[in-house]
C-alpha cells in the first residue's frame, strides 16, 4: 500500500495536477491539508473518475483536511481527543475547533491528515495554541495506542515545525525570533518520540525539503524547509519498505508551495477492485 501526505494549498486550484500525480505515482491513500474549501465545494468528480473515494473536512476558505483513497475509508473522525480550538481575541476553553485534523482507518492502518497551526509569531496567541495543539495531539495518540495495542498508527501532514537546523534552509527564519524553529516547538515535535512515534521518512530520505516559499526565488535557490512529515508508531514503522519526497511537484504551472511525502507499506491492496484508468 502506498500512502502519501500533501499540503495542496487549495484543492480547487490544483485538483488537476493532484489527480494526475495520484494516478501517475500509483498512490493508494493521500492525506491532504489546506484544501481551503467546504466538503460540498471539493472537486469530487475528478477524483471519483480516477477511482478515489474522498472524505473532506473544511469549514471555510481557510485550513481544511481530506483523504483520497482507492481503498475503503473507515472510522472517520473530524477531530482528535481534546483537540483545542481557536478564535482570535477569544479566551477560555470553549473556542471553536478549526478544520485541522481528519482521521480514517484504511486496511487496518489508522491514519491522520493533520494541519498543525502555524503559530504566526512567538508573541502571538496562535503560538500558544500551536504548542497546546501539538501537546494534545501527542496525548490523544498515546491514549489511542494504549486502547489499540498492536495497531499501526501514522500522523501525516504539515507540522509547521523544522525539527533540526538541517530541516531549515530559509534565511528569513531567525533563531530566537521566528516560529517553526523555536526550542519549544522543536521540543513539542521531539516529544512524540516519548510515546513511540518516529519520523519514518528520515531514515530512508535523510535530506531534502518539503516546502519552499513562493517569494524571493526560494525554490530555485533551494531555500526551503522540511515541515511535512509522516510519524509512525512501531507497528507502522515495521510496515515501511520505502519512502520518498517528490520535489519535482514544486515545479511547473501553479504548484503548491509544498510537495508530497510518500511511504510504501508492506500491505498488499486488492488490485482487482480498482477501476481501470485509460
C-alpha atoms as a PDB file:
ATOM      1  CA  UNK A   1       0.000   0.000   0.000  1.00  0.00           C
ATOM      2  CA  UNK A   2       1.365   3.403  -0.983  1.00  0.00           C
ATOM      3  CA  UNK A   3       0.434   6.237   1.384  1.00  0.00           C
ATOM      4  CA  UNK A   4       1.190   9.940   0.967  1.00  0.00           C
ATOM      5  CA  UNK A   5       0.662  13.352   2.515  1.00  0.00           C
ATOM      6  CA  UNK A   6       0.500  16.675   0.669  1.00  0.00           C
ATOM      7  CA  UNK A   7      -0.378  20.221   1.655  1.00  0.00           C
ATOM      8  CA  UNK A   8      -2.101  21.095  -1.621  1.00  0.00           C
ATOM      9  CA  UNK A   9      -2.684  24.792  -0.831  1.00  0.00           C
ATOM     10  CA  UNK A  10      -6.223  24.959  -2.316  1.00  0.00           C
ATOM     11  CA  UNK A  11      -7.581  21.810  -3.884  1.00  0.00           C
ATOM     12  CA  UNK A  12      -9.968  23.696  -6.187  1.00  0.00           C
ATOM     13  CA  UNK A  13      -6.970  25.410  -7.766  1.00  0.00           C
ATOM     14  CA  UNK A  14      -4.797  22.300  -8.045  1.00  0.00           C
ATOM     15  CA  UNK A  15      -7.063  19.274  -8.301  1.00  0.00           C
ATOM     16  CA  UNK A  16      -5.922  18.545 -11.867  1.00  0.00           C
ATOM     17  CA  UNK A  17      -2.277  18.109 -11.014  1.00  0.00           C
ATOM     18  CA  UNK A  18      -3.117  16.318  -7.742  1.00  0.00           C
ATOM     19  CA  UNK A  19      -5.236  13.692  -9.522  1.00  0.00           C
ATOM     20  CA  UNK A  20      -2.644  13.345 -12.288  1.00  0.00           C
ATOM     21  CA  UNK A  21       0.044  12.747  -9.673  1.00  0.00           C
ATOM     22  CA  UNK A  22      -2.086  10.226  -7.763  1.00  0.00           C
ATOM     23  CA  UNK A  23      -2.601   8.090 -10.858  1.00  0.00           C
ATOM     24  CA  UNK A  24       0.935   8.510 -12.177  1.00  0.00           C
ATOM     25  CA  UNK A  25       2.539   7.559  -8.862  1.00  0.00           C
ATOM     26  CA  UNK A  26       0.064   4.763  -8.082  1.00  0.00           C
ATOM     27  CA  UNK A  27      -0.932   6.239  -4.716  1.00  0.00           C
ATOM     28  CA  UNK A  28      -3.458   4.280  -2.680  1.00  0.00           C
ATOM     29  CA  UNK A  29      -4.171   6.835   0.060  1.00  0.00           C
ATOM     30  CA  UNK A  30      -3.419  10.568   0.118  1.00  0.00           C
ATOM     31  CA  UNK A  31      -3.863  12.793   3.154  1.00  0.00           C
ATOM     32  CA  UNK A  32      -4.307  16.421   2.082  1.00  0.00           C
ATOM     33  CA  UNK A  33      -4.009  19.644   4.033  1.00  0.00           C
ATOM     34  CA  UNK A  34      -5.053  23.235   3.325  1.00  0.00           C
ATOM     35  CA  UNK A  35      -7.820  22.180   0.965  1.00  0.00           C
ATOM     36  CA  UNK A  36      -9.388  25.622   1.618  1.00  0.00           C
ATOM     37  CA  UNK A  37     -12.978  24.613   0.945  1.00  0.00           C
ATOM     38  CA  UNK A  38     -16.060  23.042   2.470  1.00  0.00           C
ATOM     39  CA  UNK A  39     -16.818  19.380   1.644  1.00  0.00           C
ATOM     40  CA  UNK A  40     -19.582  20.376  -0.765  1.00  0.00           C
ATOM     41  CA  UNK A  41     -17.072  22.540  -2.671  1.00  0.00           C
ATOM     42  CA  UNK A  42     -14.496  19.785  -3.060  1.00  0.00           C
ATOM     43  CA  UNK A  43     -13.945  18.744  -6.727  1.00  0.00           C
ATOM     44  CA  UNK A  44     -15.080  15.176  -6.112  1.00  0.00           C
ATOM     45  CA  UNK A  45     -15.807  14.224  -9.713  1.00  0.00           C
ATOM     46  CA  UNK A  46     -12.196  14.339 -10.854  1.00  0.00           C
ATOM     47  CA  UNK A  47     -11.105  12.068  -8.002  1.00  0.00           C
ATOM     48  CA  UNK A  48     -14.004   9.660  -8.401  1.00  0.00           C
ATOM     49  CA  UNK A  49     -13.327   9.307 -12.120  1.00  0.00           C
ATOM     50  CA  UNK A  50      -9.776   8.295 -11.226  1.00  0.00           C
ATOM     51  CA  UNK A  51     -11.072   5.685  -8.786  1.00  0.00           C
ATOM     52  CA  UNK A  52     -10.713   7.511  -5.487  1.00  0.00           C
ATOM     53  CA  UNK A  53     -13.139   7.906  -2.610  1.00  0.00           C
ATOM     54  CA  UNK A  54     -12.858  11.259  -0.836  1.00  0.00           C
ATOM     55  CA  UNK A  55     -13.677  12.395   2.682  1.00  0.00           C
ATOM     56  CA  UNK A  56     -13.116  16.067   3.428  1.00  0.00           C
ATOM     57  CA  UNK A  57     -13.348  18.281   6.479  1.00  0.00           C
ATOM     58  CA  UNK A  58     -13.419  22.016   5.818  1.00  0.00           C
ATOM     59  CA  UNK A  59     -15.350  24.901   7.328  1.00  0.00           C
ATOM     60  CA  UNK A  60     -14.451  27.862   5.119  1.00  0.00           C
ATOM     61  CA  UNK A  61     -11.789  29.108   2.704  1.00  0.00           C
ATOM     62  CA  UNK A  62      -9.023  28.502   5.271  1.00  0.00           C
ATOM     63  CA  UNK A  63      -7.397  25.319   6.568  1.00  0.00           C
ATOM     64  CA  UNK A  64      -9.229  22.081   5.753  1.00  0.00           C
ATOM     65  CA  UNK A  65      -8.065  18.464   5.520  1.00  0.00           C
ATOM     66  CA  UNK A  66      -9.067  15.490   3.394  1.00  0.00           C
ATOM     67  CA  UNK A  67      -8.324  11.919   2.327  1.00  0.00           C
ATOM     68  CA  UNK A  68      -8.468  10.450  -1.156  1.00  0.00           C
ATOM     69  CA  UNK A  69      -8.298   6.654  -1.184  1.00  0.00           C
ATOM     70  CA  UNK A  70      -8.669   3.728  -3.566  1.00  0.00           C
ATOM     71  CA  UNK A  71      -9.377   1.557  -0.516  1.00  0.00           C
ATOM     72  CA  UNK A  72     -12.336   1.874   1.903  1.00  0.00           C
ATOM     73  CA  UNK A  73     -12.087   4.670   4.477  1.00  0.00           C
ATOM     74  CA  UNK A  74     -13.463   3.562   7.832  1.00  0.00           C
ATOM     75  CA  UNK A  75     -13.980   5.073  11.297  1.00  0.00           C
ATOM     76  CA  UNK A  76     -13.693   8.656  10.049  1.00  0.00           C
ATOM     77  CA  UNK A  77     -13.200  11.339  12.719  1.00  0.00           C
ATOM     78  CA  UNK A  78     -13.007  15.113  12.245  1.00  0.00           C
ATOM     79  CA  UNK A  79     -11.106  15.870  15.449  1.00  0.00           C
ATOM     80  CA  UNK A  80      -8.868  14.110  17.932  1.00  0.00           C
ATOM     81  CA  UNK A  81      -9.455  13.696  21.654  1.00  0.00           C
ATOM     82  CA  UNK A  82      -9.418  17.067  23.482  1.00  0.00           C
ATOM     83  CA  UNK A  83      -8.353  18.932  20.323  1.00  0.00           C
ATOM     84  CA  UNK A  84      -8.108  22.636  21.230  1.00  0.00           C
ATOM     85  CA  UNK A  85      -9.950  25.375  19.369  1.00  0.00           C
ATOM     86  CA  UNK A  86      -9.005  28.916  18.477  1.00  0.00           C
ATOM     87  CA  UNK A  87     -10.728  32.224  17.861  1.00  0.00           C
ATOM     88  CA  UNK A  88      -8.721  35.393  17.532  1.00  0.00           C
ATOM     89  CA  UNK A  89      -9.318  37.650  20.519  1.00  0.00           C
ATOM     90  CA  UNK A  90     -11.206  34.998  22.476  1.00  0.00           C
ATOM     91  CA  UNK A  91     -10.157  33.358  25.709  1.00  0.00           C
ATOM     92  CA  UNK A  92     -11.275  30.297  27.631  1.00  0.00           C
ATOM     93  CA  UNK A  93     -11.577  26.563  26.922  1.00  0.00           C
ATOM     94  CA  UNK A  94     -14.625  26.570  24.627  1.00  0.00           C
ATOM     95  CA  UNK A  95     -13.218  28.099  21.468  1.00  0.00           C
ATOM     96  CA  UNK A  96     -14.371  26.712  18.099  1.00  0.00           C
ATOM     97  CA  UNK A  97     -12.466  23.829  16.542  1.00  0.00           C
ATOM     98  CA  UNK A  98     -10.749  24.523  13.241  1.00  0.00           C
ATOM     99  CA  UNK A  99     -10.684  22.005  10.374  1.00  0.00           C
ATOM    100  CA  UNK A 100      -7.160  20.769  11.033  1.00  0.00           C
ATOM    101  CA  UNK A 101      -7.478  17.041  11.748  1.00  0.00           C
ATOM    102  CA  UNK A 102      -9.085  14.117   9.945  1.00  0.00           C
ATOM    103  CA  UNK A 103      -8.675  10.505  10.947  1.00  0.00           C
ATOM    104  CA  UNK A 104      -9.523   7.350   8.997  1.00  0.00           C
ATOM    105  CA  UNK A 105      -8.647   3.663   9.076  1.00  0.00           C
ATOM    106  CA  UNK A 106      -7.506   2.030   5.835  1.00  0.00           C
ATOM    107  CA  UNK A 107      -6.878  -1.715   5.691  1.00  0.00           C
ATOM    108  CA  UNK A 108      -6.288  -1.798   9.445  1.00  0.00           C
ATOM    109  CA  UNK A 109      -3.925   1.208   9.476  1.00  0.00           C
ATOM    110  CA  UNK A 110      -5.026   4.287  11.413  1.00  0.00           C
ATOM    111  CA  UNK A 111      -4.098   7.465   9.531  1.00  0.00           C
ATOM    112  CA  UNK A 112      -4.455  11.132  10.447  1.00  0.00           C
ATOM    113  CA  UNK A 113      -4.207  14.024   7.996  1.00  0.00           C
ATOM    114  CA  UNK A 114      -3.045  16.969  10.096  1.00  0.00           C
ATOM    115  CA  UNK A 115      -2.516  20.659   9.539  1.00  0.00           C
ATOM    116  CA  UNK A 116      -0.742  21.955  12.618  1.00  0.00           C
ATOM    117  CA  UNK A 117      -1.332  25.658  13.420  1.00  0.00           C
ATOM    118  CA  UNK A 118       1.326  27.988  12.028  1.00  0.00           C
ATOM    119  CA  UNK A 119       1.978  29.910  15.224  1.00  0.00           C
ATOM    120  CA  UNK A 120       2.329  33.222  13.345  1.00  0.00           C
ATOM    121  CA  UNK A 121       4.783  34.832  15.780  1.00  0.00           C
ATOM    122  CA  UNK A 122       6.403  33.828  19.046  1.00  0.00           C
ATOM    123  CA  UNK A 123       4.476  36.524  20.936  1.00  0.00           C
ATOM    124  CA  UNK A 124       1.149  35.720  19.244  1.00  0.00           C
ATOM    125  CA  UNK A 125      -1.688  33.749  20.953  1.00  0.00           C
ATOM    126  CA  UNK A 126      -1.588  31.474  17.908  1.00  0.00           C
ATOM    127  CA  UNK A 127       1.862  30.305  19.029  1.00  0.00           C
ATOM    128  CA  UNK A 128       0.486  29.206  22.407  1.00  0.00           C
ATOM    129  CA  UNK A 129      -2.371  27.494  20.549  1.00  0.00           C
ATOM    130  CA  UNK A 130       0.142  25.688  18.340  1.00  0.00           C
ATOM    131  CA  UNK A 131       2.076  24.291  21.294  1.00  0.00           C
ATOM    132  CA  UNK A 132      -1.146  23.240  23.025  1.00  0.00           C
ATOM    133  CA  UNK A 133      -2.383  21.607  19.806  1.00  0.00           C
ATOM    134  CA  UNK A 134       0.786  19.542  19.468  1.00  0.00           C
ATOM    135  CA  UNK A 135       0.738  18.535  23.142  1.00  0.00           C
ATOM    136  CA  UNK A 136      -2.866  17.378  22.963  1.00  0.00           C
ATOM    137  CA  UNK A 137      -2.253  15.533  19.710  1.00  0.00           C
ATOM    138  CA  UNK A 138       0.547  13.630  21.403  1.00  0.00           C
ATOM    139  CA  UNK A 139      -1.673  12.780  24.375  1.00  0.00           C
ATOM    140  CA  UNK A 140      -4.537  11.680  22.110  1.00  0.00           C
ATOM    141  CA  UNK A 141      -2.178   9.497  20.082  1.00  0.00           C
ATOM    142  CA  UNK A 142      -0.722   7.927  23.216  1.00  0.00           C
ATOM    143  CA  UNK A 143      -4.206   7.158  24.540  1.00  0.00           C
ATOM    144  CA  UNK A 144      -5.258   5.641  21.197  1.00  0.00           C
ATOM    145  CA  UNK A 145      -2.240   3.332  21.140  1.00  0.00           C
ATOM    146  CA  UNK A 146      -2.938   2.182  24.700  1.00  0.00           C
ATOM    147  CA  UNK A 147      -6.538   1.442  23.728  1.00  0.00           C
ATOM    148  CA  UNK A 148      -5.492  -0.281  20.471  1.00  0.00           C
ATOM    149  CA  UNK A 149      -2.290  -2.199  21.262  1.00  0.00           C
ATOM    150  CA  UNK A 150      -0.530  -3.640  18.267  1.00  0.00           C
ATOM    151  CA  UNK A 151      -2.366  -1.451  15.746  1.00  0.00           C
ATOM    152  CA  UNK A 152      -0.392   0.670  13.244  1.00  0.00           C
ATOM    153  CA  UNK A 153      -0.824   4.449  13.535  1.00  0.00           C
ATOM    154  CA  UNK A 154       0.550   7.303  11.412  1.00  0.00           C
ATOM    155  CA  UNK A 155       0.329  11.060  11.905  1.00  0.00           C
ATOM    156  CA  UNK A 156       0.770  12.681   8.486  1.00  0.00           C
ATOM    157  CA  UNK A 157       0.793  16.256   7.353  1.00  0.00           C
ATOM    158  CA  UNK A 158       2.122  19.770   7.663  1.00  0.00           C
ATOM    159  CA  UNK A 159       3.550  20.107  11.167  1.00  0.00           C
ATOM    160  CA  UNK A 160       4.822  23.677  10.650  1.00  0.00           C
ATOM    161  CA  UNK A 161       7.976  22.758  12.583  1.00  0.00           C
ATOM    162  CA  UNK A 162      11.506  22.315  11.254  1.00  0.00           C
ATOM    163  CA  UNK A 163      12.795  19.895  13.918  1.00  0.00           C
ATOM    164  CA  UNK A 164      16.530  20.407  13.309  1.00  0.00           C
ATOM    165  CA  UNK A 165      18.785  23.004  11.726  1.00  0.00           C
ATOM    166  CA  UNK A 166      19.215  20.634   8.769  1.00  0.00           C
ATOM    167  CA  UNK A 167      15.471  20.957   8.125  1.00  0.00           C
ATOM    168  CA  UNK A 168      15.629  24.754   7.761  1.00  0.00           C
ATOM    169  CA  UNK A 169      17.145  26.405   4.707  1.00  0.00           C
ATOM    170  CA  UNK A 170      15.110  29.604   4.533  1.00  0.00           C
ATOM    171  CA  UNK A 171      17.331  32.530   5.621  1.00  0.00           C
ATOM    172  CA  UNK A 172      14.332  34.665   6.593  1.00  0.00           C
ATOM    173  CA  UNK A 173      13.772  32.486   9.677  1.00  0.00           C
ATOM    174  CA  UNK A 174      15.885  33.833  12.540  1.00  0.00           C
ATOM    175  CA  UNK A 175      16.671  31.770  15.634  1.00  0.00           C
ATOM    176  CA  UNK A 176      15.145  33.328  18.723  1.00  0.00           C
ATOM    177  CA  UNK A 177      12.741  35.459  16.703  1.00  0.00           C
ATOM    178  CA  UNK A 178      10.906  33.151  14.298  1.00  0.00           C
ATOM    179  CA  UNK A 179       8.368  30.394  14.663  1.00  0.00           C
ATOM    180  CA  UNK A 180       8.962  26.899  13.228  1.00  0.00           C
ATOM    181  CA  UNK A 181      12.472  26.772  14.705  1.00  0.00           C
ATOM    182  CA  UNK A 182      11.942  27.886  18.301  1.00  0.00           C
ATOM    183  CA  UNK A 183      13.017  25.466  21.020  1.00  0.00           C
ATOM    184  CA  UNK A 184       9.501  24.982  22.472  1.00  0.00           C
ATOM    185  CA  UNK A 185       8.214  23.979  19.016  1.00  0.00           C
ATOM    186  CA  UNK A 186      11.114  21.614  18.439  1.00  0.00           C
ATOM    187  CA  UNK A 187      10.642  20.159  21.909  1.00  0.00           C
ATOM    188  CA  UNK A 188       6.937  19.616  21.208  1.00  0.00           C
ATOM    189  CA  UNK A 189       7.802  17.784  17.977  1.00  0.00           C
ATOM    190  CA  UNK A 190      10.546  15.715  19.616  1.00  0.00           C
ATOM    191  CA  UNK A 191       8.149  14.732  22.409  1.00  0.00           C
ATOM    192  CA  UNK A 192       6.285  12.436  20.011  1.00  0.00           C
ATOM    193  CA  UNK A 193       9.261  10.098  20.306  1.00  0.00           C
ATOM    194  CA  UNK A 194       8.446   9.644  24.014  1.00  0.00           C
ATOM    195  CA  UNK A 195       5.246   7.815  23.008  1.00  0.00           C
ATOM    196  CA  UNK A 196       6.987   5.765  20.316  1.00  0.00           C
ATOM    197  CA  UNK A 197       6.168   7.888  17.258  1.00  0.00           C
ATOM    198  CA  UNK A 198       9.110   8.357  14.894  1.00  0.00           C
ATOM    199  CA  UNK A 199       9.741  10.017  11.541  1.00  0.00           C
ATOM    200  CA  UNK A 200       9.595   7.026   9.195  1.00  0.00           C
ATOM    201  CA  UNK A 201      10.870   9.006   6.188  1.00  0.00           C
ATOM    202  CA  UNK A 202      14.111  10.433   7.553  1.00  0.00           C
ATOM    203  CA  UNK A 203      15.999   7.106   7.819  1.00  0.00           C
ATOM    204  CA  UNK A 204      15.339   6.485   4.114  1.00  0.00           C
ATOM    205  CA  UNK A 205      15.480  10.090   2.832  1.00  0.00           C
ATOM    206  CA  UNK A 206      17.946  11.898   5.134  1.00  0.00           C
ATOM    207  CA  UNK A 207      17.998  15.119   3.095  1.00  0.00           C
ATOM    208  CA  UNK A 208      15.553  17.305   1.214  1.00  0.00           C
ATOM    209  CA  UNK A 209      12.959  19.964   1.936  1.00  0.00           C
ATOM    210  CA  UNK A 210       9.183  19.730   1.532  1.00  0.00           C
ATOM    211  CA  UNK A 211       8.251  23.441   1.395  1.00  0.00           C
ATOM    212  CA  UNK A 212       9.597  26.483  -0.453  1.00  0.00           C
ATOM    213  CA  UNK A 213       8.011  29.922  -0.154  1.00  0.00           C
ATOM    214  CA  UNK A 214       6.748  31.443  -3.396  1.00  0.00           C
ATOM    215  CA  UNK A 215       8.699  34.649  -2.706  1.00  0.00           C
ATOM    216  CA  UNK A 216      12.362  35.596  -3.172  1.00  0.00           C
ATOM    217  CA  UNK A 217      13.150  32.725  -5.579  1.00  0.00           C
ATOM    218  CA  UNK A 218      13.215  30.332  -2.628  1.00  0.00           C
ATOM    219  CA  UNK A 219      12.711  27.234  -4.768  1.00  0.00           C
ATOM    220  CA  UNK A 220      15.402  27.914  -7.425  1.00  0.00           C
ATOM    221  CA  UNK A 221      17.788  28.717  -4.589  1.00  0.00           C
ATOM    222  CA  UNK A 222      16.657  25.637  -2.648  1.00  0.00           C
ATOM    223  CA  UNK A 223      15.976  27.773   0.392  1.00  0.00           C
ATOM    224  CA  UNK A 224      13.253  25.574   1.769  1.00  0.00           C
ATOM    225  CA  UNK A 225      12.130  23.758   4.892  1.00  0.00           C
ATOM    226  CA  UNK A 226      11.235  20.223   5.817  1.00  0.00           C
ATOM    227  CA  UNK A 227       7.965  20.650   7.694  1.00  0.00           C
ATOM    228  CA  UNK A 228       5.812  17.857   6.209  1.00  0.00           C
ATOM    229  CA  UNK A 229       6.171  14.516   7.955  1.00  0.00           C
ATOM    230  CA  UNK A 230       4.843  11.026   8.416  1.00  0.00           C
ATOM    231  CA  UNK A 231       5.269   9.929  12.021  1.00  0.00           C
ATOM    232  CA  UNK A 232       4.528   6.284  12.752  1.00  0.00           C
ATOM    233  CA  UNK A 233       4.320   4.078  15.807  1.00  0.00           C
ATOM    234  CA  UNK A 234       6.487   0.920  15.861  1.00  0.00           C
ATOM    235  CA  UNK A 235       3.747  -1.160  14.235  1.00  0.00           C
ATOM    236  CA  UNK A 236       3.502   1.324  11.360  1.00  0.00           C
ATOM    237  CA  UNK A 237       7.271   1.760  11.058  1.00  0.00           C
ATOM    238  CA  UNK A 238       7.679  -2.014  10.719  1.00  0.00           C
ATOM    239  CA  UNK A 239       5.482  -1.923   7.607  1.00  0.00           C
ATOM    240  CA  UNK A 240       7.519   0.774   5.818  1.00  0.00           C
ATOM    241  CA  UNK A 241       9.599  -0.532   2.930  1.00  0.00           C
ATOM    242  CA  UNK A 242      10.438   2.715   1.132  1.00  0.00           C
ATOM    243  CA  UNK A 243       9.903   6.481   1.277  1.00  0.00           C
ATOM    244  CA  UNK A 244      10.324   9.487  -0.994  1.00  0.00           C
ATOM    245  CA  UNK A 245       9.926  13.265  -1.186  1.00  0.00           C
ATOM    246  CA  UNK A 246       8.550  14.325  -4.573  1.00  0.00           C
ATOM    247  CA  UNK A 247      10.465  17.550  -5.124  1.00  0.00           C
ATOM    248  CA  UNK A 248       9.501  17.853  -8.789  1.00  0.00           C
ATOM    249  CA  UNK A 249       5.898  18.644  -7.806  1.00  0.00           C
ATOM    250  CA  UNK A 250       7.111  22.103  -6.785  1.00  0.00           C
ATOM    251  CA  UNK A 251       7.874  22.737 -10.469  1.00  0.00           C
ATOM    252  CA  UNK A 252       5.555  23.514 -13.364  1.00  0.00           C
ATOM    253  CA  UNK A 253       2.399  25.598 -13.587  1.00  0.00           C
ATOM    254  CA  UNK A 254       0.650  26.741 -10.402  1.00  0.00           C
ATOM    255  CA  UNK A 255       2.334  24.341  -7.974  1.00  0.00           C
ATOM    256  CA  UNK A 256       1.609  24.153  -4.285  1.00  0.00           C
ATOM    257  CA  UNK A 257       4.387  25.548  -2.115  1.00  0.00           C
ATOM    258  CA  UNK A 258       4.601  22.068  -0.517  1.00  0.00           C
ATOM    259  CA  UNK A 259       5.440  18.734  -2.152  1.00  0.00           C
ATOM    260  CA  UNK A 260       4.174  15.215  -1.450  1.00  0.00           C
ATOM    261  CA  UNK A 261       5.841  12.863   1.006  1.00  0.00           C
ATOM    262  CA  UNK A 262       5.282   9.154   0.288  1.00  0.00           C
ATOM    263  CA  UNK A 263       5.796   5.869   2.108  1.00  0.00           C
ATOM    264  CA  UNK A 264       5.373   2.335   0.816  1.00  0.00           C
ATOM    265  CA  UNK A 265       3.926  -0.199   3.238  1.00  0.00           C
ATOM    266  CA  UNK A 266       4.185  -3.983   3.148  1.00  0.00           C
ATOM    267  CA  UNK A 267       0.418  -4.331   2.788  1.00  0.00           C
ATOM    268  CA  UNK A 268      -0.993  -5.757  -0.403  1.00  0.00           C
ATOM    269  CA  UNK A 269      -4.165  -3.996  -1.564  1.00  0.00           C
ATOM    270  CA  UNK A 270      -6.835  -5.718  -3.624  1.00  0.00           C
ATOM    271  CA  UNK A 271      -5.940  -4.591  -7.127  1.00  0.00           C
ATOM    272  CA  UNK A 272      -8.958  -6.364  -8.580  1.00  0.00           C
ATOM    273  CA  UNK A 273     -11.312  -3.770  -7.098  1.00  0.00           C
ATOM    274  CA  UNK A 274      -9.527  -0.817  -8.655  1.00  0.00           C
ATOM    275  CA  UNK A 275     -11.044   0.708 -11.760  1.00  0.00           C
ATOM    276  CA  UNK A 276      -9.069   0.663 -14.965  1.00  0.00           C
ATOM    277  CA  UNK A 277      -7.719   4.094 -15.890  1.00  0.00           C
ATOM    278  CA  UNK A 278      -7.121   4.754 -19.600  1.00  0.00           C
END
